[in-house]
Amino acid sequence: MTLIGIHVDIRRAVRVLALCAMCVGGTAWAQSEVAAGPLDGMVFVGKIGPKGDPNLEDELHFQDGEFWSVNCIKCGFQPANYWIRKVGSRIHFRGELTGERGSLAYQGEVIGDRVEVSITWRKSRWYWQVNKELEFAGVFKPKAAAFSVKHAIDTANNAQPAIEPVCSR
């Protein structure tokens, strides 16, 4: 075998090993996909607020591969895609809501009928950046009326954060 043949075989072997590593690493976010199933149609009711003290009633909706918080769309944050990965019986998800008030990065875990979510709110200001840690904890609400993504988008687009009490928290 020539040196060129060995070089090609090594490159092919490296590609095969990389593909195998990606397949074995099924828990990696890179291997997750935009969800269109496992959480769609689910609504969790609970409380959102500062980390360690979630004290405001809220609902977390999943529909058509997107998610949103009822309180957050009232403040102008748009529904967004979410990604999942399954680990045993748990479903981990992540996604980021954005709007004029910054971004809300969600990382959550569905365990049975409960959900626990860590949220980081980031907003760049002129001289500094807001970084607040929030959380949401809730339970699955069977037969909840999950409203459409279009309704959530319309709500976010028509939001008036300056006069909405939940936005001043």
N, C-alpha and C. Protein backbone atom coordinates (compact mmCIF):
# COMPACT_ATOMS: atom_id res chain seq x y z
N MET A 1 0.85 -1.17 0.00
CA MET A 1 0.00 0.00 0.00
C MET A 1 0.89 1.24 0.00
N THR A 2 0.54 2.21 -0.81
CA THR A 2 1.34 3.42 -0.90
C THR A 2 1.05 4.34 0.28
N LEU A 3 1.91 5.33 0.44
CA LEU A 3 1.69 6.31 1.52
C LEU A 3 0.39 7.05 1.32
N ILE A 4 0.04 7.33 0.08
CA ILE A 4 -1.22 8.03 -0.19
C ILE A 4 -2.39 7.14 0.25
N GLY A 5 -2.32 5.86 -0.05
CA GLY A 5 -3.37 4.93 0.35
C GLY A 5 -3.51 4.85 1.86
N ILE A 6 -2.38 4.85 2.57
CA ILE A 6 -2.41 4.82 4.04
C ILE A 6 -3.05 6.10 4.57
N HIS A 7 -2.68 7.25 3.99
CA HIS A 7 -3.23 8.54 4.42
C HIS A 7 -4.75 8.56 4.25
N VAL A 8 -5.24 8.07 3.11
CA VAL A 8 -6.68 8.04 2.85
C VAL A 8 -7.36 7.11 3.85
N ASP A 9 -6.77 5.93 4.11
CA ASP A 9 -7.35 4.99 5.06
C ASP A 9 -7.39 5.58 6.47
N ILE A 10 -6.38 6.31 6.87
CA ILE A 10 -6.35 6.93 8.20
C ILE A 10 -7.45 7.98 8.29
N ARG A 11 -7.58 8.81 7.23
CA ARG A 11 -8.64 9.82 7.25
C ARG A 11 -10.01 9.17 7.33
N ARG A 12 -10.22 8.07 6.60
CA ARG A 12 -11.49 7.36 6.63
C ARG A 12 -11.73 6.79 8.03
N ALA A 13 -10.70 6.24 8.64
CA ALA A 13 -10.83 5.67 9.98
C ALA A 13 -11.17 6.75 11.00
N VAL A 14 -10.55 7.92 10.86
CA VAL A 14 -10.84 9.02 11.78
C VAL A 14 -12.30 9.44 11.64
N ARG A 15 -12.80 9.54 10.40
CA ARG A 15 -14.21 9.91 10.18
C ARG A 15 -15.15 8.87 10.79
N VAL A 16 -14.84 7.60 10.59
CA VAL A 16 -15.68 6.53 11.15
C VAL A 16 -15.68 6.60 12.67
N LEU A 17 -14.51 6.80 13.27
CA LEU A 17 -14.43 6.91 14.73
C LEU A 17 -15.22 8.13 15.23
N ALA A 18 -15.14 9.24 14.52
CA ALA A 18 -15.88 10.44 14.92
C ALA A 18 -17.37 10.18 14.86
N LEU A 19 -17.83 9.51 13.79
CA LEU A 19 -19.25 9.18 13.69
C LEU A 19 -19.69 8.25 14.81
N CYS A 20 -18.86 7.26 15.11
CA CYS A 20 -19.18 6.34 16.21
C CYS A 20 -19.25 7.08 17.54
N ALA A 21 -18.31 7.99 17.76
CA ALA A 21 -18.30 8.75 19.01
C ALA A 21 -19.56 9.59 19.13
N MET A 22 -20.01 10.17 18.00
CA MET A 22 -21.23 10.98 18.05
C MET A 22 -22.43 10.10 18.36
N CYS A 23 -22.46 8.89 17.79
CA CYS A 23 -23.59 7.99 18.05
C CYS A 23 -23.60 7.51 19.49
N VAL A 24 -22.44 7.18 20.02
CA VAL A 24 -22.35 6.71 21.40
C VAL A 24 -22.67 7.84 22.36
N GLY A 25 -22.28 9.06 22.03
CA GLY A 25 -22.53 10.21 22.89
C GLY A 25 -23.94 10.72 22.74
N GLY A 26 -24.92 9.88 22.80
CA GLY A 26 -26.32 10.24 22.59
C GLY A 26 -26.85 11.26 23.57
N THR A 27 -26.14 11.48 24.68
CA THR A 27 -26.64 12.47 25.63
C THR A 27 -26.11 13.86 25.31
N ALA A 28 -25.28 13.99 24.30
CA ALA A 28 -24.74 15.31 23.96
C ALA A 28 -25.81 16.16 23.32
N TRP A 29 -25.79 17.45 23.63
CA TRP A 29 -26.78 18.35 23.04
C TRP A 29 -26.63 18.37 21.53
N ALA A 30 -25.42 18.20 21.02
CA ALA A 30 -25.23 18.22 19.58
C ALA A 30 -26.04 17.12 18.91
N GLN A 31 -26.32 16.06 19.63
CA GLN A 31 -27.07 14.96 19.06
C GLN A 31 -28.56 15.08 19.31
N SER A 32 -28.97 16.09 20.06
CA SER A 32 -30.40 16.25 20.30
C SER A 32 -31.03 16.88 19.08
N GLU A 33 -32.32 16.91 19.04
CA GLU A 33 -33.01 17.43 17.87
C GLU A 33 -34.08 18.40 18.33
N VAL A 34 -34.50 19.23 17.39
CA VAL A 34 -35.61 20.11 17.72
C VAL A 34 -36.79 19.20 18.00
N ALA A 35 -37.39 19.39 19.14
CA ALA A 35 -38.45 18.51 19.57
C ALA A 35 -39.71 18.73 18.75
N ALA A 36 -40.35 17.66 18.41
CA ALA A 36 -41.64 17.72 17.73
C ALA A 36 -42.49 16.60 18.28
N GLY A 37 -42.34 16.33 19.55
CA GLY A 37 -43.10 15.22 20.08
C GLY A 37 -43.15 15.07 21.57
N PRO A 38 -42.07 14.66 22.22
CA PRO A 38 -42.14 14.23 23.62
C PRO A 38 -42.77 15.22 24.58
N LEU A 39 -42.58 16.52 24.38
CA LEU A 39 -43.16 17.49 25.31
C LEU A 39 -44.31 18.27 24.68
N ASP A 40 -44.46 18.18 23.36
CA ASP A 40 -45.51 18.94 22.68
C ASP A 40 -46.89 18.62 23.25
N GLY A 41 -47.68 19.68 23.47
CA GLY A 41 -49.01 19.55 24.02
C GLY A 41 -49.03 19.56 25.54
N MET A 42 -47.87 19.58 26.16
CA MET A 42 -47.81 19.56 27.63
C MET A 42 -47.82 20.98 28.17
N VAL A 43 -48.49 21.14 29.30
CA VAL A 43 -48.53 22.41 30.03
C VAL A 43 -48.18 22.09 31.48
N PHE A 44 -47.24 22.85 32.02
CA PHE A 44 -46.86 22.70 33.43
C PHE A 44 -47.27 23.98 34.16
N VAL A 45 -47.94 23.82 35.27
CA VAL A 45 -48.32 24.98 36.09
C VAL A 45 -47.46 24.97 37.34
N GLY A 46 -47.05 26.15 37.75
CA GLY A 46 -46.19 26.24 38.92
C GLY A 46 -45.83 27.67 39.20
N LYS A 47 -44.62 27.85 39.71
CA LYS A 47 -44.16 29.18 40.10
C LYS A 47 -42.81 29.48 39.49
N ILE A 48 -42.67 30.76 39.11
CA ILE A 48 -41.41 31.26 38.55
C ILE A 48 -40.95 32.41 39.42
N GLY A 49 -39.66 32.63 39.47
CA GLY A 49 -39.13 33.75 40.24
C GLY A 49 -37.65 33.60 40.49
N PRO A 50 -37.13 34.44 41.37
CA PRO A 50 -35.70 34.37 41.67
C PRO A 50 -35.31 32.98 42.17
N LYS A 51 -34.11 32.59 41.83
CA LYS A 51 -33.61 31.27 42.27
C LYS A 51 -33.72 31.17 43.78
N GLY A 52 -34.34 30.11 44.25
CA GLY A 52 -34.53 29.89 45.67
C GLY A 52 -35.84 30.45 46.20
N ASP A 53 -36.52 31.28 45.39
CA ASP A 53 -37.78 31.88 45.84
C ASP A 53 -38.73 32.13 44.67
N PRO A 54 -39.10 31.06 43.93
CA PRO A 54 -40.07 31.27 42.85
C PRO A 54 -41.44 31.54 43.49
N ASN A 55 -41.99 32.74 43.25
CA ASN A 55 -43.18 33.15 43.98
C ASN A 55 -44.29 33.71 43.11
N LEU A 56 -44.21 33.53 41.81
CA LEU A 56 -45.21 34.07 40.90
C LEU A 56 -45.81 32.93 40.08
N GLU A 57 -47.13 32.81 40.10
CA GLU A 57 -47.81 31.77 39.33
C GLU A 57 -47.48 31.90 37.85
N ASP A 58 -47.25 30.77 37.18
CA ASP A 58 -46.93 30.79 35.76
C ASP A 58 -47.29 29.46 35.13
N GLU A 59 -47.27 29.42 33.82
CA GLU A 59 -47.49 28.20 33.05
C GLU A 59 -46.39 28.09 32.00
N LEU A 60 -45.89 26.89 31.82
CA LEU A 60 -44.87 26.61 30.81
C LEU A 60 -45.53 25.71 29.77
N HIS A 61 -45.59 26.19 28.52
CA HIS A 61 -46.27 25.48 27.43
C HIS A 61 -45.27 24.93 26.43
N PHE A 62 -45.58 23.76 25.86
CA PHE A 62 -44.81 23.16 24.79
C PHE A 62 -45.78 22.80 23.68
N GLN A 63 -45.53 23.33 22.48
CA GLN A 63 -46.45 23.08 21.37
C GLN A 63 -45.71 23.23 20.05
N ASP A 64 -45.88 22.28 19.15
CA ASP A 64 -45.32 22.35 17.79
C ASP A 64 -43.82 22.63 17.78
N GLY A 65 -43.09 22.01 18.69
CA GLY A 65 -41.63 22.18 18.73
C GLY A 65 -41.18 23.49 19.35
N GLU A 66 -42.11 24.26 19.92
CA GLU A 66 -41.75 25.51 20.57
C GLU A 66 -42.25 25.51 22.02
N PHE A 67 -41.67 26.42 22.81
CA PHE A 67 -42.10 26.53 24.21
C PHE A 67 -42.18 28.00 24.57
N TRP A 68 -42.91 28.28 25.65
CA TRP A 68 -43.02 29.64 26.17
C TRP A 68 -43.59 29.61 27.57
N SER A 69 -43.35 30.68 28.28
CA SER A 69 -43.93 30.91 29.60
C SER A 69 -45.00 31.96 29.41
N VAL A 70 -46.16 31.77 30.03
CA VAL A 70 -47.25 32.74 29.89
C VAL A 70 -46.80 34.12 30.37
N ASN A 71 -46.11 34.18 31.50
CA ASN A 71 -45.65 35.48 32.00
C ASN A 71 -44.61 36.11 31.08
N CYS A 72 -43.75 35.30 30.52
CA CYS A 72 -42.68 35.85 29.68
C CYS A 72 -43.22 36.40 28.36
N ILE A 73 -44.22 35.77 27.76
CA ILE A 73 -44.77 36.33 26.53
C ILE A 73 -45.51 37.63 26.82
N LYS A 74 -46.05 37.77 28.03
CA LYS A 74 -46.69 39.04 28.41
C LYS A 74 -45.66 40.17 28.46
N CYS A 75 -44.39 39.80 28.63
CA CYS A 75 -43.30 40.79 28.69
C CYS A 75 -42.57 40.93 27.36
N GLY A 76 -43.12 40.32 26.31
CA GLY A 76 -42.57 40.47 24.97
C GLY A 76 -41.57 39.43 24.53
N PHE A 77 -41.30 38.42 25.35
CA PHE A 77 -40.38 37.35 24.95
C PHE A 77 -41.12 36.41 23.99
N GLN A 78 -40.49 36.12 22.86
CA GLN A 78 -41.09 35.30 21.82
C GLN A 78 -40.97 33.80 22.14
N PRO A 79 -41.98 33.00 21.77
CA PRO A 79 -41.83 31.55 21.85
C PRO A 79 -40.60 31.12 21.05
N ALA A 80 -39.99 30.01 21.42
CA ALA A 80 -38.77 29.57 20.75
C ALA A 80 -38.72 28.05 20.64
N ASN A 81 -37.87 27.58 19.73
CA ASN A 81 -37.63 26.14 19.61
C ASN A 81 -37.04 25.62 20.90
N TYR A 82 -37.30 24.36 21.16
CA TYR A 82 -36.64 23.70 22.29
C TYR A 82 -36.00 22.42 21.81
N TRP A 83 -34.96 22.03 22.51
CA TRP A 83 -34.22 20.80 22.19
C TRP A 83 -34.33 19.88 23.38
N ILE A 84 -34.32 18.61 23.09
CA ILE A 84 -34.44 17.62 24.16
C ILE A 84 -33.33 16.59 24.06
N ARG A 85 -33.16 15.90 25.18
CA ARG A 85 -32.38 14.67 25.22
C ARG A 85 -33.01 13.83 26.32
N LYS A 86 -33.04 12.55 26.08
CA LYS A 86 -33.62 11.62 27.05
C LYS A 86 -32.50 10.91 27.77
N VAL A 87 -32.64 10.85 29.08
CA VAL A 87 -31.70 10.11 29.91
C VAL A 87 -32.55 9.24 30.82
N GLY A 88 -32.61 7.96 30.49
CA GLY A 88 -33.50 7.07 31.24
C GLY A 88 -34.93 7.53 31.07
N SER A 89 -35.63 7.70 32.19
CA SER A 89 -37.03 8.14 32.13
C SER A 89 -37.16 9.66 32.19
N ARG A 90 -36.04 10.36 32.27
CA ARG A 90 -36.06 11.82 32.36
C ARG A 90 -35.89 12.45 30.98
N ILE A 91 -36.52 13.59 30.81
CA ILE A 91 -36.37 14.36 29.58
C ILE A 91 -35.76 15.70 29.95
N HIS A 92 -34.57 15.95 29.42
CA HIS A 92 -33.91 17.24 29.62
C HIS A 92 -34.25 18.11 28.41
N PHE A 93 -34.44 19.38 28.64
CA PHE A 93 -34.71 20.27 27.53
C PHE A 93 -33.98 21.58 27.75
N ARG A 94 -33.81 22.31 26.65
CA ARG A 94 -33.24 23.65 26.72
C ARG A 94 -33.79 24.46 25.57
N GLY A 95 -33.77 25.76 25.75
CA GLY A 95 -34.23 26.68 24.73
C GLY A 95 -34.02 28.10 25.24
N GLU A 96 -34.16 29.06 24.35
CA GLU A 96 -33.92 30.44 24.75
C GLU A 96 -34.99 31.36 24.17
N LEU A 97 -35.70 32.03 25.06
CA LEU A 97 -36.69 33.02 24.66
C LEU A 97 -35.97 34.36 24.53
N THR A 98 -36.31 35.12 23.48
CA THR A 98 -35.68 36.43 23.30
C THR A 98 -36.73 37.50 23.07
N GLY A 99 -36.35 38.72 23.38
CA GLY A 99 -37.21 39.87 23.18
C GLY A 99 -36.42 41.14 23.45
N GLU A 100 -37.10 42.27 23.42
CA GLU A 100 -36.42 43.54 23.66
C GLU A 100 -35.85 43.62 25.07
N ARG A 101 -36.37 42.84 25.98
CA ARG A 101 -35.90 42.86 27.37
C ARG A 101 -34.74 41.89 27.60
N GLY A 102 -34.18 41.33 26.52
CA GLY A 102 -33.04 40.45 26.65
C GLY A 102 -33.34 39.03 26.23
N SER A 103 -32.69 38.08 26.89
CA SER A 103 -32.90 36.66 26.59
C SER A 103 -33.07 35.88 27.88
N LEU A 104 -33.86 34.83 27.79
CA LEU A 104 -34.08 33.92 28.91
C LEU A 104 -33.65 32.53 28.46
N ALA A 105 -32.52 32.07 28.97
CA ALA A 105 -32.01 30.74 28.63
C ALA A 105 -32.57 29.72 29.61
N TYR A 106 -33.35 28.78 29.10
CA TYR A 106 -33.99 27.74 29.91
C TYR A 106 -33.21 26.45 29.81
N GLN A 107 -32.99 25.80 30.96
CA GLN A 107 -32.48 24.43 31.01
C GLN A 107 -33.32 23.71 32.03
N GLY A 108 -34.05 22.70 31.57
CA GLY A 108 -34.98 22.04 32.48
C GLY A 108 -34.95 20.54 32.38
N GLU A 109 -35.68 19.94 33.30
CA GLU A 109 -35.76 18.49 33.38
C GLU A 109 -37.17 18.10 33.77
N VAL A 110 -37.76 17.21 32.97
CA VAL A 110 -39.07 16.66 33.28
C VAL A 110 -38.83 15.31 33.93
N ILE A 111 -39.36 15.17 35.15
CA ILE A 111 -39.21 13.94 35.92
C ILE A 111 -40.62 13.50 36.29
N GLY A 112 -41.12 12.49 35.58
CA GLY A 112 -42.50 12.06 35.82
C GLY A 112 -43.46 13.17 35.43
N ASP A 113 -44.25 13.65 36.41
CA ASP A 113 -45.20 14.73 36.11
C ASP A 113 -44.70 16.08 36.61
N ARG A 114 -43.43 16.18 36.99
CA ARG A 114 -42.86 17.44 37.49
C ARG A 114 -41.85 18.00 36.51
N VAL A 115 -41.66 19.31 36.59
CA VAL A 115 -40.61 19.95 35.80
C VAL A 115 -39.84 20.89 36.72
N GLU A 116 -38.55 20.91 36.55
CA GLU A 116 -37.67 21.82 37.28
C GLU A 116 -36.80 22.52 36.25
N VAL A 117 -36.80 23.86 36.30
CA VAL A 117 -36.12 24.64 35.27
C VAL A 117 -35.23 25.71 35.89
N SER A 118 -34.01 25.81 35.39
CA SER A 118 -33.12 26.92 35.72
C SER A 118 -33.18 27.88 34.55
N ILE A 119 -33.28 29.17 34.86
CA ILE A 119 -33.41 30.19 33.82
C ILE A 119 -32.39 31.28 34.08
N THR A 120 -31.68 31.68 33.05
CA THR A 120 -30.75 32.80 33.17
C THR A 120 -31.27 33.93 32.28
N TRP A 121 -31.56 35.06 32.92
CA TRP A 121 -32.00 36.25 32.18
C TRP A 121 -30.79 37.13 31.94
N ARG A 122 -30.55 37.44 30.67
CA ARG A 122 -29.44 38.31 30.30
C ARG A 122 -29.97 39.50 29.51
N LYS A 123 -29.50 40.66 29.88
CA LYS A 123 -29.87 41.89 29.17
C LYS A 123 -28.67 42.82 29.19
N SER A 124 -28.19 43.18 28.01
CA SER A 124 -27.06 44.10 27.93
C SER A 124 -27.57 45.53 28.10
N ARG A 125 -26.89 46.26 28.94
CA ARG A 125 -27.17 47.67 29.17
C ARG A 125 -25.99 48.47 28.63
N TRP A 126 -26.05 49.75 28.74
CA TRP A 126 -24.99 50.59 28.22
C TRP A 126 -23.64 50.28 28.89
N TYR A 127 -23.63 50.24 30.23
CA TYR A 127 -22.37 50.04 30.95
C TYR A 127 -22.25 48.69 31.65
N TRP A 128 -23.28 47.91 31.65
CA TRP A 128 -23.22 46.65 32.36
C TRP A 128 -24.18 45.66 31.72
N GLN A 129 -24.18 44.47 32.23
CA GLN A 129 -25.09 43.44 31.73
C GLN A 129 -25.86 42.85 32.90
N VAL A 130 -27.16 42.73 32.73
CA VAL A 130 -28.00 42.08 33.74
C VAL A 130 -27.83 40.57 33.58
N ASN A 131 -27.55 39.88 34.64
CA ASN A 131 -27.49 38.41 34.68
C ASN A 131 -28.24 37.99 35.93
N LYS A 132 -29.47 37.56 35.76
CA LYS A 132 -30.26 37.11 36.91
C LYS A 132 -30.57 35.64 36.76
N GLU A 133 -30.44 34.94 37.88
CA GLU A 133 -30.77 33.52 37.91
C GLU A 133 -32.20 33.37 38.43
N LEU A 134 -33.02 32.69 37.65
CA LEU A 134 -34.41 32.45 37.99
C LEU A 134 -34.66 30.95 37.99
N GLU A 135 -35.84 30.56 38.42
CA GLU A 135 -36.22 29.15 38.32
C GLU A 135 -37.73 29.03 38.19
N PHE A 136 -38.14 27.90 37.64
CA PHE A 136 -39.54 27.55 37.53
C PHE A 136 -39.67 26.12 38.01
N ALA A 137 -40.66 25.87 38.84
CA ALA A 137 -40.96 24.51 39.28
C ALA A 137 -42.46 24.32 39.12
N GLY A 138 -42.84 23.23 38.48
CA GLY A 138 -44.26 23.01 38.25
C GLY A 138 -44.60 21.55 38.07
N VAL A 139 -45.89 21.32 37.89
CA VAL A 139 -46.41 19.97 37.67
C VAL A 139 -47.23 19.97 36.39
N PHE A 140 -47.26 18.82 35.75
CA PHE A 140 -48.02 18.62 34.53
C PHE A 140 -49.50 18.81 34.82
N LYS A 141 -50.17 19.56 33.96
CA LYS A 141 -51.59 19.80 34.13
C LYS A 141 -52.32 19.05 33.01
N PRO A 142 -52.84 17.85 33.32
CA PRO A 142 -53.54 17.09 32.27
C PRO A 142 -54.76 17.87 31.79
N LYS A 143 -55.05 17.70 30.55
CA LYS A 143 -56.22 18.33 29.93
C LYS A 143 -56.16 19.86 29.99
N ALA A 144 -54.96 20.39 30.13
CA ALA A 144 -54.82 21.85 30.13
C ALA A 144 -55.01 22.35 28.71
N ALA A 145 -55.56 23.51 28.58
CA ALA A 145 -55.77 24.11 27.28
C ALA A 145 -54.46 24.75 26.81
N ALA A 146 -53.70 23.99 26.06
CA ALA A 146 -52.45 24.52 25.50
C ALA A 146 -52.83 25.39 24.32
N PHE A 147 -52.60 26.70 24.43
CA PHE A 147 -52.97 27.55 23.31
C PHE A 147 -51.91 27.48 22.23
N SER A 148 -52.25 27.96 21.06
CA SER A 148 -51.38 27.79 19.89
C SER A 148 -50.14 28.68 19.95
N VAL A 149 -49.15 28.28 19.16
CA VAL A 149 -47.93 29.07 19.03
C VAL A 149 -48.29 30.45 18.47
N LYS A 150 -49.22 30.49 17.52
CA LYS A 150 -49.63 31.77 16.94
C LYS A 150 -50.19 32.70 18.01
N HIS A 151 -51.02 32.16 18.90
CA HIS A 151 -51.57 32.97 19.99
C HIS A 151 -50.44 33.49 20.89
N ALA A 152 -49.47 32.64 21.18
CA ALA A 152 -48.34 33.05 22.02
C ALA A 152 -47.53 34.15 21.34
N ILE A 153 -47.30 34.00 20.02
CA ILE A 153 -46.55 35.02 19.28
C ILE A 153 -47.32 36.33 19.26
N ASP A 154 -48.62 36.26 19.01
CA ASP A 154 -49.44 37.47 19.00
C ASP A 154 -49.41 38.16 20.36
N THR A 155 -49.48 37.38 21.44
CA THR A 155 -49.42 37.94 22.78
C THR A 155 -48.08 38.65 23.00
N ALA A 156 -46.99 38.01 22.60
CA ALA A 156 -45.66 38.61 22.76
C ALA A 156 -45.52 39.88 21.92
N ASN A 157 -46.03 39.83 20.68
CA ASN A 157 -45.92 40.99 19.79
C ASN A 157 -46.74 42.18 20.29
N ASN A 158 -47.83 41.92 20.99
CA ASN A 158 -48.70 42.99 21.49
C ASN A 158 -48.45 43.32 22.96
N ALA A 159 -47.39 42.77 23.51
CA ALA A 159 -47.08 42.97 24.93
C ALA A 159 -46.79 44.44 25.21
N GLN A 160 -47.13 44.83 26.42
CA GLN A 160 -46.83 46.18 26.90
C GLN A 160 -46.13 46.04 28.25
N PRO A 161 -44.85 45.67 28.20
CA PRO A 161 -44.11 45.40 29.45
C PRO A 161 -44.11 46.55 30.44
N ALA A 162 -44.19 47.78 29.95
CA ALA A 162 -44.14 48.94 30.83
C ALA A 162 -45.35 48.99 31.78
N ILE A 163 -46.46 48.41 31.35
CA ILE A 163 -47.66 48.46 32.20
C ILE A 163 -48.06 47.08 32.74
N GLU A 164 -47.34 46.05 32.35
CA GLU A 164 -47.66 44.70 32.82
C GLU A 164 -46.97 44.45 34.15
N PRO A 165 -47.74 44.20 35.22
CA PRO A 165 -47.14 44.04 36.56
C PRO A 165 -46.07 42.95 36.64
N VAL A 166 -46.25 41.82 35.93
CA VAL A 166 -45.27 40.74 36.05
C VAL A 166 -43.92 41.13 35.46
N CYS A 167 -43.88 42.12 34.58
CA CYS A 167 -42.63 42.51 33.93
C CYS A 167 -41.78 43.40 34.82
N SER A 168 -42.35 43.94 35.86
CA SER A 168 -41.57 44.83 36.73
C SER A 168 -40.91 44.08 37.87
N ARG A 169 -41.06 42.79 37.90
CA ARG A 169 -40.48 41.98 38.97
C ARG A 169 -39.05 41.64 38.70
